[in-house]
Amino acid sequence: MADNTVNLPPGFRFYPTDEELIVHFLHRKASLLPCHPDVIPDLELYPYDPWDLQGKALGEGNQWYYYSRRTQNRVTVNGYWKAMGMEEAVIAASSNKRVGMKKYFVFFEGEHPNSGIKTNWVMQEYRLSDSSSSSSSRSPSSSSSRRKSQPKPDYRKWVICRVYERDNDDDDEDGGDNGIELSCLDEVFLSMDDLEEISLPVS
């Protein structure tokens, strides 16, 4: 496999907010527009265990970022990613409109969902809202013959993943999740051991 190591320019720090990941990176990716800086690599996540992301994804501190395709197969070599709770909307600060969705996953070691061992590895998966998914990238001038010979992938199914390992003391008030912004729902999800018991009132 080719080396996907991403090196940031000198002095460049990559600490995007949820909104920035959706608007400035994922939306442009889905719209087939160039990203500046173009630092987030494409990566098929699920063959890799989270500790194998070093040198394959964009690393900043103890966080790793990459584009991946939405899939239901979240099984890796040594475990699987288990969804936590429900999706959470990502709201634009300027317009107060929903620009995307975020969902948490926790990595479990083991082959079977009911017998896996929970780890401190967490993944935030960001996707565009259905209304934000761009289909305008398909140019009307594209010839049908070209479309038949080289069908374009559905870029609306791209996601951005942010993976990090939580410290054991991250539940402390100042422990933080290493600078990653957490909502009230995030903190509830991450503090519960039996994730299947989570239920939220319907608004």
Protein backbone atom coordinates (compact mmCIF):
# COMPACT_ATOMS: atom_id res chain seq x y z
CA MET A 1 0.00 0.00 0.00
CA ALA A 2 1.25 3.50 -0.80
CA ASP A 3 2.51 5.71 2.02
CA ASN A 4 -0.26 8.18 2.86
CA THR A 5 1.76 10.10 5.45
CA VAL A 6 0.61 13.71 5.59
CA ASN A 7 3.11 16.30 6.78
CA LEU A 8 1.82 19.69 7.84
CA PRO A 9 3.77 22.82 6.81
CA PRO A 10 6.00 24.34 9.51
CA GLY A 11 3.92 26.21 12.07
CA PHE A 12 0.65 24.75 10.77
CA ARG A 13 -1.73 23.51 13.48
CA PHE A 14 -4.89 21.61 12.61
CA TYR A 15 -7.57 22.09 15.26
CA PRO A 16 -10.82 22.57 13.28
CA THR A 17 -14.23 22.94 14.87
CA ASP A 18 -17.10 20.64 13.92
CA GLU A 19 -18.52 23.35 11.67
CA GLU A 20 -15.18 23.89 9.92
CA LEU A 21 -14.77 20.18 9.22
CA ILE A 22 -18.22 20.08 7.63
CA VAL A 23 -18.26 23.40 5.75
CA HIS A 24 -14.64 23.94 4.72
CA PHE A 25 -13.59 20.35 4.11
CA LEU A 26 -16.39 17.79 3.76
CA HIS A 27 -18.77 19.98 1.74
CA ARG A 28 -16.00 20.91 -0.69
CA LYS A 29 -15.01 17.26 -0.98
CA ALA A 30 -18.58 16.27 -1.76
CA SER A 31 -18.88 19.10 -4.28
CA LEU A 32 -15.65 18.07 -6.05
CA LEU A 33 -14.09 21.42 -5.17
CA PRO A 34 -10.44 21.86 -4.18
CA CYS A 35 -9.65 22.09 -0.48
CA HIS A 36 -7.04 24.57 0.72
CA PRO A 37 -4.99 23.34 2.40
CA ASP A 38 -5.48 19.87 0.96
CA VAL A 39 -4.15 17.94 3.95
CA ILE A 40 -6.83 15.36 4.83
CA PRO A 41 -6.18 12.07 3.01
CA ASP A 42 -8.67 9.51 1.70
CA LEU A 43 -8.54 6.31 3.71
CA GLU A 44 -10.50 3.10 3.90
CA LEU A 45 -10.82 3.12 7.67
CA TYR A 46 -12.14 -0.24 8.59
CA PRO A 47 -9.26 -2.53 7.65
CA TYR A 48 -7.20 -0.59 10.23
CA ASP A 49 -7.22 -0.69 14.00
CA PRO A 50 -7.15 2.84 15.46
CA TRP A 51 -3.57 2.48 16.68
CA ASP A 52 -2.49 1.78 13.08
CA LEU A 53 -3.57 5.20 11.78
CA GLN A 54 -0.17 6.79 12.45
CA GLY A 55 1.42 7.54 9.08
CA LYS A 56 -1.82 6.92 7.18
CA ALA A 57 -4.15 9.70 8.40
CA LEU A 58 -3.49 13.36 9.10
CA GLY A 59 -2.11 13.45 12.64
CA GLU A 60 -2.31 16.47 14.94
CA GLY A 61 -1.33 15.79 18.53
CA ASN A 62 -3.16 12.61 19.47
CA GLN A 63 -5.92 13.07 16.88
CA TRP A 64 -6.14 11.59 13.39
CA TYR A 65 -8.29 12.90 10.52
CA TYR A 66 -9.22 11.35 7.17
CA TYR A 67 -11.97 11.11 4.57
CA SER A 68 -13.69 7.75 4.29
CA ARG A 69 -16.74 6.28 2.63
CA ARG A 70 -19.91 5.77 4.65
CA THR A 71 -20.32 2.08 5.34
CA GLN A 72 -22.03 -0.29 7.73
CA ASN A 73 -18.93 -2.47 7.91
CA ARG A 74 -16.98 -1.15 10.88
CA VAL A 75 -15.06 -4.32 11.64
CA THR A 76 -11.25 -4.17 11.74
CA VAL A 77 -8.53 -6.79 12.10
CA ASN A 78 -8.73 -6.88 15.89
CA GLY A 79 -12.12 -5.42 16.76
CA TYR A 80 -15.02 -3.21 15.71
CA TRP A 81 -16.42 0.29 16.10
CA LYS A 82 -19.67 0.47 18.06
CA ALA A 83 -22.09 3.37 17.64
CA MET A 84 -22.91 5.47 20.68
CA GLY A 85 -26.40 6.89 21.03
CA MET A 86 -27.87 8.99 18.27
CA GLU A 87 -26.57 11.43 15.70
CA GLU A 88 -26.11 15.03 16.73
CA ALA A 89 -26.65 18.02 14.44
CA VAL A 90 -23.75 20.34 13.60
CA ILE A 91 -25.08 23.91 13.55
CA ALA A 92 -23.47 26.84 11.72
CA ALA A 93 -22.77 29.67 14.14
CA SER A 94 -23.49 32.41 11.61
CA SER A 95 -26.80 31.15 10.23
CA ASN A 96 -27.97 28.83 13.04
CA LYS A 97 -28.72 26.26 10.33
CA ARG A 98 -27.82 22.59 10.35
CA VAL A 99 -24.86 21.92 8.07
CA GLY A 100 -24.12 18.31 8.96
CA MET A 101 -24.37 15.48 11.44
CA LYS A 102 -21.92 13.97 13.93
CA LYS A 103 -21.96 10.51 15.45
CA TYR A 104 -19.72 8.90 18.04
CA PHE A 105 -18.23 5.41 17.93
CA VAL A 106 -16.13 3.55 20.50
CA PHE A 107 -13.64 0.85 19.55
CA PHE A 108 -14.04 -2.61 21.07
CA GLU A 109 -11.41 -5.33 20.84
CA GLY A 110 -12.73 -8.77 19.96
CA GLU A 111 -14.72 -10.47 17.23
CA HIS A 112 -18.23 -10.60 18.67
CA PRO A 113 -20.33 -7.51 19.49
CA ASN A 114 -21.53 -8.94 22.80
CA SER A 115 -18.13 -10.01 24.10
CA GLY A 116 -15.81 -7.22 22.97
CA ILE A 117 -13.60 -5.27 25.36
CA LYS A 118 -14.23 -1.53 25.39
CA THR A 119 -11.16 0.63 24.74
CA ASN A 120 -10.45 4.35 25.12
CA TRP A 121 -10.41 4.87 21.35
CA VAL A 122 -13.19 7.16 20.12
CA MET A 123 -14.22 8.13 16.61
CA GLN A 124 -16.31 11.12 15.61
CA GLU A 125 -17.84 10.56 12.17
CA TYR A 126 -19.08 13.67 10.35
CA ARG A 127 -21.45 13.58 7.40
CA LEU A 128 -23.38 16.14 5.42
CA SER A 129 -27.06 16.62 6.09
CA ASP A 130 -29.24 15.25 3.32
CA SER A 131 -30.14 18.81 2.36
CA SER A 132 -26.45 19.77 2.31
CA SER A 133 -25.34 16.90 0.12
CA SER A 134 -24.37 18.39 -3.17
CA SER A 135 -25.50 16.87 -6.42
CA SER A 136 -24.61 19.99 -8.40
CA SER A 137 -21.09 18.64 -8.90
CA ARG A 138 -22.41 16.46 -11.69
CA SER A 139 -21.91 18.67 -14.68
CA PRO A 140 -24.81 18.67 -17.16
CA SER A 141 -22.30 18.93 -19.99
CA SER A 142 -20.82 15.54 -19.17
CA SER A 143 -21.41 13.20 -22.07
CA SER A 144 -23.47 10.08 -21.47
CA SER A 145 -20.80 7.93 -23.06
CA ARG A 146 -18.20 9.22 -20.62
CA ARG A 147 -20.57 8.60 -17.75
CA LYS A 148 -21.08 5.02 -18.92
CA SER A 149 -17.40 4.28 -19.32
CA GLN A 150 -16.31 5.99 -16.11
CA PRO A 151 -19.23 6.26 -13.67
CA LYS A 152 -18.63 8.87 -10.99
CA PRO A 153 -18.73 7.71 -7.37
CA ASP A 154 -21.41 9.18 -5.13
CA TYR A 155 -19.41 11.81 -3.31
CA ARG A 156 -22.40 12.55 -1.08
CA LYS A 157 -21.46 9.43 0.84
CA TRP A 158 -18.10 10.78 1.97
CA VAL A 159 -17.53 11.32 5.69
CA ILE A 160 -14.74 12.84 7.75
CA CYS A 161 -13.51 10.80 10.69
CA ARG A 162 -11.67 12.16 13.70
CA VAL A 163 -10.11 9.44 15.88
CA TYR A 164 -8.43 9.95 19.24
CA GLU A 165 -7.62 8.01 22.38
CA ARG A 166 -9.15 9.32 25.57
CA ASP A 167 -7.07 9.42 28.72
CA ASN A 168 -8.42 7.62 31.75
CA ASP A 169 -8.80 10.94 33.56
CA ASP A 170 -10.71 12.65 30.72
CA ASP A 171 -13.88 12.52 32.81
CA ASP A 172 -12.38 15.19 35.03
CA GLU A 173 -13.57 18.71 34.46
CA ASP A 174 -10.23 19.79 33.03
CA GLY A 175 -9.50 16.48 31.30
CA GLY A 176 -11.30 17.66 28.25
CA ASP A 177 -10.86 15.06 25.47
CA ASN A 178 -7.72 16.96 24.57
CA GLY A 179 -9.23 20.16 23.29
CA ILE A 180 -12.06 18.55 21.32
CA GLU A 181 -15.31 20.43 21.77
CA LEU A 182 -17.96 18.37 23.55
CA SER A 183 -21.66 19.06 23.79
CA CYS A 184 -23.82 17.97 26.71
CA LEU A 185 -24.94 14.92 24.70
CA ASP A 186 -21.31 14.05 23.93
CA GLU A 187 -20.40 14.03 27.60
CA VAL A 188 -23.41 11.84 28.45
CA PHE A 189 -22.53 9.31 25.74
CA LEU A 190 -18.86 9.15 26.68
CA SER A 191 -19.57 8.74 30.39
CA MET A 192 -21.85 5.72 30.04
CA ASP A 193 -20.51 2.17 29.93
CA ASP A 194 -23.62 0.35 28.68
CA LEU A 195 -24.15 2.22 25.43
CA GLU A 196 -27.12 0.12 24.37
CA GLU A 197 -29.11 1.43 27.32
CA ILE A 198 -29.01 5.03 26.10
CA SER A 199 -32.44 6.43 25.28
CA LEU A 200 -33.39 10.03 24.79
CA PRO A 201 -36.82 11.65 25.06
CA VAL A 202 -38.50 12.42 21.76
CA SER A 203 -38.92 16.15 21.32
